[in-house]
């Protein structure tokens, strides 16, 4: 699998973004559970919990986008170029017709 330097850089950026996301997701989940427990025990009002919950959900959704990770389409393009090109049925049939 021969790749250009740019393709290798895109893949490494995707790996770095994935690793960051693997760290951020459990931290945000822990904060959410802590906030829920604080609300249940009266240390946090329901209104503040609601604002915090919306913020945590927003950060969870946006964290892969904010990290400067490569676009999904770029990664698919790299993988598509690496796939061996197989002949389609149309190509096979046209070759057979040329033989006759």
Protein backbone atom coordinates (compact mmCIF):
# COMPACT_ATOMS: atom_id res chain seq x y z
CA UNK A 1 0.00 0.00 0.00
CA UNK A 2 1.87 3.03 -1.26
CA UNK A 3 0.64 6.32 0.11
CA UNK A 4 1.72 9.89 -0.40
CA UNK A 5 2.98 12.01 2.49
CA UNK A 6 -0.29 13.95 2.46
CA UNK A 7 -2.35 10.76 2.77
CA UNK A 8 -0.18 9.54 5.65
CA UNK A 9 -0.59 12.93 7.37
CA UNK A 10 -4.38 12.77 6.98
CA UNK A 11 -4.48 9.28 8.46
CA UNK A 12 -2.24 10.29 11.39
CA UNK A 13 -4.47 13.32 12.06
CA UNK A 14 -7.51 11.03 12.09
CA UNK A 15 -5.81 8.68 14.55
CA UNK A 16 -4.86 11.62 16.80
CA UNK A 17 -8.43 12.95 16.68
CA UNK A 18 -9.82 9.51 17.52
CA UNK A 19 -7.46 9.15 20.48
CA UNK A 20 -8.44 12.60 21.77
CA UNK A 21 -12.10 11.69 21.43
CA UNK A 22 -11.50 8.47 23.37
CA UNK A 23 -10.18 10.62 26.22
CA UNK A 24 -12.78 13.41 26.08
CA UNK A 25 -15.88 11.19 25.91
CA UNK A 26 -15.35 9.43 29.29
CA UNK A 27 -14.43 12.75 30.95
CA UNK A 28 -17.65 14.37 29.72
CA UNK A 29 -19.64 11.31 30.81
CA UNK A 30 -18.10 11.49 34.28
CA UNK A 31 -18.94 15.20 34.55
CA UNK A 32 -22.53 14.44 33.47
CA UNK A 33 -22.91 11.68 36.07
CA UNK A 34 -21.39 13.94 38.74
CA UNK A 35 -23.78 16.74 37.84
CA UNK A 36 -26.73 14.33 37.93
CA UNK A 37 -25.73 13.10 41.38
CA UNK A 38 -25.24 16.69 42.58
CA UNK A 39 -28.74 17.57 41.36
CA UNK A 40 -30.26 14.49 42.99
CA UNK A 41 -28.65 15.35 46.34
CA UNK A 42 -29.64 19.01 46.13
CA UNK A 43 -26.21 20.52 45.54
CA UNK A 44 -27.16 21.67 42.02
CA UNK A 45 -30.44 23.19 40.96
CA UNK A 46 -32.46 21.66 38.16
CA UNK A 47 -32.01 24.76 36.00
CA UNK A 48 -28.22 24.71 36.32
CA UNK A 49 -28.21 20.98 35.61
CA UNK A 50 -30.22 21.57 32.44
CA UNK A 51 -27.77 24.20 31.20
CA UNK A 52 -24.82 21.97 32.06
CA UNK A 53 -26.42 18.96 30.36
CA UNK A 54 -27.00 20.92 27.15
CA UNK A 55 -23.39 22.13 27.23
CA UNK A 56 -22.05 18.61 27.74
CA UNK A 57 -24.19 17.18 24.93
CA UNK A 58 -23.07 20.01 22.64
CA UNK A 59 -19.40 19.39 23.48
CA UNK A 60 -19.82 15.66 22.97
CA UNK A 61 -21.26 16.17 19.51
CA UNK A 62 -18.86 18.92 18.49
CA UNK A 63 -15.61 17.53 19.94
CA UNK A 64 -14.67 15.56 16.80
CA UNK A 65 -15.33 18.66 14.66
CA UNK A 66 -13.40 21.10 16.84
CA UNK A 67 -10.18 19.11 16.88
CA UNK A 68 -9.26 19.85 13.29
CA UNK A 69 -9.68 16.23 12.33
CA UNK A 70 -9.70 15.31 8.66
CA UNK A 71 -13.02 15.02 6.90
CA UNK A 72 -14.54 11.59 6.56
CA UNK A 73 -14.67 12.05 2.79
CA UNK A 74 -10.89 12.55 2.62
CA UNK A 75 -10.30 9.27 4.44
CA UNK A 76 -12.71 7.42 2.16
CA UNK A 77 -10.99 8.89 -0.91
CA UNK A 78 -7.63 7.61 0.33
CA UNK A 79 -9.04 4.15 0.95
CA UNK A 80 -10.80 4.11 -2.42
CA UNK A 81 -7.53 4.87 -4.23
CA UNK A 82 -5.87 1.99 -2.39
CA UNK A 83 -8.49 -0.56 -3.43
CA UNK A 84 -7.60 -2.75 -6.37
CA UNK A 85 -9.69 -1.82 -9.36
CA UNK A 86 -11.90 -4.77 -10.27
CA UNK A 87 -13.61 -5.00 -13.59
CA UNK A 88 -17.34 -4.37 -13.58
CA UNK A 89 -19.78 -6.70 -15.28
CA UNK A 90 -20.09 -4.17 -18.10
CA UNK A 91 -16.32 -4.26 -18.66
CA UNK A 92 -16.30 -8.05 -18.70
CA UNK A 93 -19.20 -8.24 -21.17
CA UNK A 94 -17.68 -5.67 -23.48
CA UNK A 95 -14.39 -7.61 -23.50
CA UNK A 96 -16.27 -10.80 -24.34
CA UNK A 97 -18.09 -9.07 -27.21
CA UNK A 98 -14.79 -7.79 -28.58
CA UNK A 99 -13.42 -11.33 -28.65
CA UNK A 100 -16.20 -12.54 -30.96
